Amino acid sequence: MHWLRCELRVPEALADVARGALLQEDFRGWEEVEEPSGVLFVVYVSQPDLSEGRGETTLLLEESLAPYGIGQVISTLQESGEEIGFKNSLVDDEDWAHSWKRFWKPMRIGARLVVVPSWEEYAPVDGDLVMRLDPGMAFGTGTHETTRMCLEWLETVVRPGDRLLDVGTGSGILSLAGLLLGASYTLGIDNDNVAVEVAQENLRANGQGPERAVVRMSEGFEGLAGSDGKFDVITGNLVADLIKGLAPSLLDWLSPEGCFVGSGIIVERKPDVEASLALAGFHERHWGYAGEWVSVVARRGVPELG
């Protein structure tokens, strides 16, 4: 199988717009490289039927990109009127499997959490909670603002013995962080079987067995039928529309003093998500901001007056 390697060069001012457009089109991961003139985004899309020998000069945008969402991402960026650069080329499976790894290095998030790629060396210091990850094809390395904000919130809300539900678990990074911060049990759910396999492997690689860390396929909360009890923390690093869709059912699975930690929300969609959470009974809401992204910790709290 060949893959199409798409490069987007955008001014720094458009970097958050590009990230939002890629997430909106459901790309689970990409490379980012800071350059003097802006940011280079590198995205890979599968091209199993593309004949060999068709170089980048003959790969037409409408023909090769539209079915994969990249065309819409480019259109969104072009609406700004800023000049963006674009080119594409074919790569083999093996090339892609390793090329992105050189951009990801150990990274401290919050006060104690440290995300370390499984192939990198890292010498922890006292107090470090080290997560060794290989995200594979799943979303969740800690480099994106939405993941970082969720991890920072988890440092403040997870208590010893908590039960954590991770909706859209991706690489399993939020489940793993919850366990390292003191949770006694985590359940990660995702509608992508690749993500489920990646999360399971990452949890095993960090010494978290099935008695404490479970991952399963599920569309929304469907996979929770028969689960034993409610959760003290529910996480959802998703997008605004998915959080809105989950909001009415969140309290059904949340303990009375529990909280929802959510992100993947662009600033423009915050009012929609806030209204949905309020309507669902989350009367206490705290917001975090990073660039064009918003995160939230929501609790039942005291009903609002008026």
Protein backbone atom coordinates (compact mmCIF):
# COMPACT_ATOMS: atom_id res chain seq x y z
CA MET A 1 0.00 0.00 0.00
CA HIS A 2 1.12 3.55 -0.71
CA TRP A 3 0.26 6.63 1.30
CA LEU A 4 -0.15 10.20 0.15
CA ARG A 5 2.06 12.56 2.16
CA CYS A 6 0.46 16.00 2.20
CA GLU A 7 2.45 19.01 3.37
CA LEU A 8 0.72 22.24 4.41
CA ARG A 9 2.86 25.29 5.19
CA VAL A 10 0.90 27.98 6.96
CA PRO A 11 1.76 31.29 8.67
CA GLU A 12 1.99 31.12 12.46
CA ALA A 13 -1.27 33.09 12.69
CA LEU A 14 -3.09 30.21 10.95
CA ALA A 15 -1.59 27.37 12.98
CA ASP A 16 -4.57 27.01 15.32
CA VAL A 17 -6.99 27.25 12.39
CA ALA A 18 -5.11 24.41 10.68
CA ARG A 19 -5.21 22.26 13.82
CA GLY A 20 -8.92 22.88 14.22
CA ALA A 21 -9.62 22.03 10.57
CA LEU A 22 -7.64 18.79 10.81
CA LEU A 23 -9.50 17.71 13.95
CA GLN A 24 -12.83 18.72 12.43
CA GLU A 25 -12.12 16.43 9.47
CA ASP A 26 -11.34 13.61 11.94
CA PHE A 27 -7.60 13.28 11.31
CA ARG A 28 -6.26 11.45 14.35
CA GLY A 29 -2.68 12.66 14.07
CA TRP A 30 -0.18 14.66 12.09
CA GLU A 31 3.36 16.02 12.25
CA GLU A 32 4.06 19.66 13.11
CA VAL A 33 7.38 21.38 12.50
CA GLU A 34 8.08 24.97 13.56
CA GLU A 35 9.72 26.91 10.72
CA PRO A 36 10.96 30.51 10.50
CA SER A 37 8.08 31.42 8.21
CA GLY A 38 5.35 29.54 10.08
CA VAL A 39 4.35 25.92 10.74
CA LEU A 40 4.63 22.83 8.53
CA PHE A 41 1.81 20.31 8.94
CA VAL A 42 2.35 16.84 7.48
CA VAL A 43 -0.66 14.54 7.07
CA TYR A 44 -0.79 11.03 5.61
CA VAL A 45 -3.84 9.57 3.87
CA SER A 46 -4.16 6.08 2.43
CA GLN A 47 -3.99 5.66 -1.34
CA PRO A 48 -4.33 1.92 -1.96
CA ASP A 49 -5.63 2.34 -5.53
CA LEU A 50 -3.16 4.97 -6.67
CA SER A 51 -1.05 3.70 -9.54
CA GLU A 52 2.71 3.89 -9.20
CA GLY A 53 4.58 6.51 -11.12
CA ARG A 54 2.10 9.32 -10.57
CA GLY A 55 4.30 12.02 -9.11
CA GLU A 56 3.30 15.09 -7.16
CA THR A 57 2.90 17.15 -10.34
CA THR A 58 0.01 14.96 -11.52
CA LEU A 59 -1.75 14.34 -8.23
CA LEU A 60 -4.66 16.74 -8.55
CA LEU A 61 -6.23 18.22 -5.43
CA GLU A 62 -9.81 17.50 -6.48
CA GLU A 63 -9.03 13.95 -7.55
CA SER A 64 -6.71 12.81 -4.79
CA LEU A 65 -7.61 14.80 -1.71
CA ALA A 66 -11.32 15.56 -1.66
CA PRO A 67 -12.37 12.07 -0.46
CA TYR A 68 -9.99 12.27 2.47
CA GLY A 69 -10.90 15.63 4.00
CA ILE A 70 -7.61 17.34 3.15
CA GLY A 71 -9.34 19.31 0.41
CA GLN A 72 -11.74 20.78 2.97
CA VAL A 73 -8.87 21.62 5.31
CA ILE A 74 -7.12 23.53 2.52
CA SER A 75 -10.34 25.34 1.59
CA THR A 76 -10.79 26.41 5.23
CA LEU A 77 -7.27 27.80 5.35
CA GLN A 78 -7.65 29.59 2.02
CA GLU A 79 -10.70 31.43 3.34
CA SER A 80 -8.36 33.49 5.51
CA GLY A 81 -6.81 35.10 2.47
CA GLU A 82 -3.33 34.21 3.73
CA GLU A 83 -0.94 32.39 1.44
CA ILE A 84 -0.45 28.71 2.25
CA GLY A 85 1.92 26.21 0.70
CA PHE A 86 0.88 22.73 -0.36
CA LYS A 87 2.51 19.73 -1.96
CA ASN A 88 2.08 15.97 -1.89
CA SER A 89 4.07 12.84 -2.66
CA LEU A 90 3.79 9.07 -2.39
CA VAL A 91 5.45 7.11 0.40
CA ASP A 92 5.49 3.43 1.34
CA ASP A 93 4.07 1.99 4.57
CA GLU A 94 7.53 1.49 6.02
CA ASP A 95 8.58 5.08 5.32
CA TRP A 96 5.59 6.47 7.19
CA ALA A 97 5.81 4.02 10.07
CA HIS A 98 9.00 5.70 11.29
CA SER A 99 9.31 9.17 9.75
CA TRP A 100 7.03 10.99 12.24
CA LYS A 101 8.86 9.67 15.28
CA ARG A 102 11.82 12.02 14.93
CA PHE A 103 9.55 15.00 15.77
CA TRP A 104 8.25 13.69 19.11
CA LYS A 105 10.44 14.10 22.21
CA PRO A 106 9.88 13.69 25.99
CA MET A 107 7.62 16.42 27.31
CA ARG A 108 6.60 17.56 30.80
CA ILE A 109 2.93 18.43 31.23
CA GLY A 110 1.66 20.08 34.37
CA ALA A 111 3.59 19.59 37.60
CA ARG A 112 4.28 15.85 37.57
CA LEU A 113 3.28 14.16 34.32
CA VAL A 114 5.97 13.40 31.74
CA VAL A 115 5.10 11.91 28.34
CA VAL A 116 8.00 9.90 26.91
CA PRO A 117 7.98 8.21 23.49
CA SER A 118 8.63 4.50 23.98
CA TRP A 119 11.78 4.69 21.83
CA GLU A 120 13.33 7.67 23.69
CA GLU A 121 15.61 7.66 26.74
CA TYR A 122 14.51 9.65 29.79
CA ALA A 123 15.94 9.88 33.32
CA PRO A 124 13.07 10.71 35.71
CA VAL A 125 13.51 13.02 38.69
CA ASP A 126 11.75 12.74 42.04
CA GLY A 127 8.01 13.15 41.69
CA ASP A 128 7.84 12.42 37.95
CA LEU A 129 4.90 10.33 36.76
CA VAL A 130 6.27 8.94 33.51
CA MET A 131 4.00 7.74 30.72
CA ARG A 132 5.81 5.81 27.99
CA LEU A 133 3.69 5.87 24.84
CA ASP A 134 3.65 4.68 21.27
CA PRO A 135 0.48 6.17 19.77
CA GLY A 136 0.72 4.27 16.49
CA MET A 137 -2.29 5.35 14.44
CA ALA A 138 -4.24 6.62 17.46
CA PHE A 139 -4.68 10.23 18.63
CA GLY A 140 -3.04 11.26 21.88
CA THR A 141 0.64 12.11 22.34
CA GLY A 142 0.29 15.13 24.61
CA THR A 143 1.64 17.52 21.99
CA HIS A 144 -1.76 18.94 21.09
CA GLU A 145 -3.26 21.69 23.24
CA THR A 146 -6.46 19.75 23.84
CA THR A 147 -4.62 16.72 25.25
CA ARG A 148 -2.34 18.89 27.37
CA MET A 149 -5.28 20.75 28.89
CA CYS A 150 -7.04 17.48 29.77
CA LEU A 151 -3.88 16.16 31.42
CA GLU A 152 -3.47 19.38 33.40
CA TRP A 153 -7.07 19.19 34.58
CA LEU A 154 -6.63 15.54 35.60
CA GLU A 155 -3.76 16.55 37.89
CA THR A 156 -6.20 18.74 39.81
CA VAL A 157 -9.32 16.53 39.89
CA VAL A 158 -8.23 12.88 40.19
CA ARG A 159 -8.31 11.59 43.77
CA PRO A 160 -6.89 8.34 45.14
CA GLY A 161 -9.28 5.48 44.45
CA ASP A 162 -11.28 7.27 41.74
CA ARG A 163 -12.88 5.38 38.88
CA LEU A 164 -12.27 7.02 35.51
CA LEU A 165 -14.11 6.64 32.20
CA ASP A 166 -12.16 7.79 29.12
CA VAL A 167 -14.47 8.36 26.14
CA GLY A 168 -12.60 8.30 22.83
CA THR A 169 -9.51 6.94 24.52
CA GLY A 170 -7.23 7.06 21.43
CA SER A 171 -3.72 6.15 22.58
CA GLY A 172 -4.96 5.64 26.15
CA ILE A 173 -2.97 8.62 27.42
CA LEU A 174 -5.74 10.03 29.65
CA SER A 175 -6.53 6.62 31.15
CA LEU A 176 -2.86 6.07 31.91
CA ALA A 177 -2.52 9.52 33.45
CA GLY A 178 -5.53 8.85 35.66
CA LEU A 179 -3.99 5.62 36.95
CA LEU A 180 -0.64 7.27 37.67
CA LEU A 181 -2.44 10.06 39.52
CA GLY A 182 -4.15 7.59 41.83
CA ALA A 183 -7.26 6.25 40.09
CA SER A 184 -8.03 2.66 41.07
CA TYR A 185 -9.77 1.72 37.82
CA THR A 186 -10.09 3.13 34.30
CA LEU A 187 -12.34 2.13 31.42
CA GLY A 188 -11.36 3.46 28.00
CA ILE A 189 -13.83 3.28 25.13
CA ASP A 190 -13.36 4.10 21.45
CA ASN A 191 -15.18 3.36 18.20
CA ASP A 192 -11.88 2.67 16.41
CA ASN A 193 -10.52 -0.86 16.82
CA VAL A 194 -6.97 0.38 16.06
CA ALA A 195 -7.22 2.85 18.95
CA VAL A 196 -8.47 0.10 21.26
CA GLU A 197 -5.48 -2.10 20.41
CA VAL A 198 -3.01 0.80 20.78
CA ALA A 199 -4.46 1.87 24.13
CA GLN A 200 -4.39 -1.69 25.47
CA GLU A 201 -0.74 -2.07 24.47
CA ASN A 202 0.26 1.29 25.98
CA LEU A 203 -1.41 0.45 29.27
CA ARG A 204 0.25 -2.99 29.38
CA ALA A 205 3.63 -1.46 28.53
CA ASN A 206 3.25 0.84 31.55
CA GLY A 207 2.49 -2.03 33.90
CA GLN A 208 -1.28 -1.50 34.06
CA GLY A 209 -3.09 -4.83 33.94
CA PRO A 210 -6.73 -5.63 33.06
CA GLU A 211 -7.77 -5.65 36.71
CA ARG A 212 -7.24 -1.85 36.76
CA ALA A 213 -7.25 -0.79 33.11
CA VAL A 214 -9.90 -1.95 30.64
CA VAL A 215 -10.30 -0.82 27.03
CA ARG A 216 -13.15 -1.80 24.73
CA MET A 217 -14.92 -0.87 21.54
CA SER A 218 -18.00 1.31 21.98
CA GLU A 219 -20.09 3.89 20.16
CA GLY A 220 -20.67 6.48 22.86
CA PHE A 221 -21.92 4.86 26.06
CA GLU A 222 -23.33 1.76 24.37
CA GLY A 223 -20.41 -0.38 25.54
CA LEU A 224 -21.06 0.43 29.20
CA ALA A 225 -24.12 -1.78 29.53
CA GLY A 226 -23.63 -4.03 32.56
CA SER A 227 -20.65 -2.05 33.83
CA ASP A 228 -20.23 -2.10 37.62
CA GLY A 229 -21.15 1.28 39.01
CA LYS A 230 -20.58 4.91 38.17
CA PHE A 231 -17.41 6.91 37.58
CA ASP A 232 -15.81 9.73 39.53
CA VAL A 233 -14.17 11.28 36.47
CA ILE A 234 -15.31 11.10 32.86
CA THR A 235 -12.96 12.44 30.19
CA GLY A 236 -13.76 13.30 26.58
CA ASN A 237 -11.10 14.87 24.38
CA LEU A 238 -13.41 14.93 21.39
CA VAL A 239 -15.01 17.72 19.36
CA ALA A 240 -17.85 20.09 20.25
CA ASP A 241 -20.60 18.15 18.47
CA LEU A 242 -19.64 14.85 20.11
CA ILE A 243 -19.54 16.43 23.57
CA LYS A 244 -22.96 17.99 22.93
CA GLY A 245 -24.26 14.56 21.93
CA LEU A 246 -22.88 12.90 25.05
CA ALA A 247 -23.94 15.66 27.48
CA PRO A 248 -27.51 14.46 28.20
CA SER A 249 -26.22 11.03 29.33
CA LEU A 250 -23.10 12.06 31.24
CA LEU A 251 -24.77 12.39 34.64
CA ASP A 252 -26.21 8.88 34.26
CA TRP A 253 -22.66 7.54 34.54
CA LEU A 254 -21.14 10.11 36.91
CA SER A 255 -20.98 9.78 40.69
CA PRO A 256 -22.70 12.56 42.68
CA GLU A 257 -19.43 14.40 43.40
CA GLY A 258 -17.79 13.48 40.11
CA CYS A 259 -16.74 15.68 37.21
CA PHE A 260 -16.51 15.71 33.43
CA VAL A 261 -13.20 16.79 31.84
CA GLY A 262 -13.63 17.72 28.19
CA SER A 263 -11.74 19.35 25.35
CA GLY A 264 -11.38 19.37 21.57
CA ILE A 265 -13.62 22.47 21.50
CA ILE A 266 -12.69 25.44 19.34
CA VAL A 267 -13.36 28.83 20.93
CA GLU A 268 -16.26 29.61 18.60
CA ARG A 269 -18.12 26.50 19.77
CA LYS A 270 -17.75 27.13 23.50
CA PRO A 271 -21.25 28.71 23.85
CA ASP A 272 -22.85 25.64 22.23
CA VAL A 273 -21.04 23.23 24.55
CA GLU A 274 -21.69 25.40 27.62
CA ALA A 275 -25.41 25.50 26.87
CA SER A 276 -25.53 21.72 26.39
CA LEU A 277 -23.72 21.03 29.65
CA ALA A 278 -25.94 23.47 31.56
CA LEU A 279 -29.08 21.88 30.11
CA ALA A 280 -27.76 18.43 31.10
CA GLY A 281 -27.45 19.52 34.74
CA PHE A 282 -23.82 20.61 35.00
CA HIS A 283 -24.32 23.81 37.00
CA GLU A 284 -20.63 24.29 37.85
CA ARG A 285 -18.32 24.79 34.88
CA HIS A 286 -14.67 25.86 34.80
CA TRP A 287 -12.98 26.69 31.48
CA GLY A 288 -9.41 26.56 30.26
CA TYR A 289 -7.93 28.13 27.13
CA ALA A 290 -4.93 27.40 24.92
CA GLY A 291 -4.75 29.24 21.62
CA GLU A 292 -8.00 28.59 19.75
CA TRP A 293 -8.91 25.65 21.97
CA VAL A 294 -11.12 25.40 25.04
CA SER A 295 -11.36 22.79 27.79
CA VAL A 296 -13.83 22.36 30.61
CA VAL A 297 -14.28 20.74 34.01
CA ALA A 298 -17.98 20.42 34.77
CA ARG A 299 -19.80 19.25 37.91
CA ARG A 300 -23.37 19.05 39.10
CA GLY A 301 -22.83 21.95 41.50
CA VAL A 302 -25.65 24.21 42.69
CA PRO A 303 -28.47 24.99 40.23
CA GLU A 304 -28.21 28.45 38.74
CA LEU A 305 -30.72 31.09 39.87
CA GLY A 306 -33.10 32.59 37.36
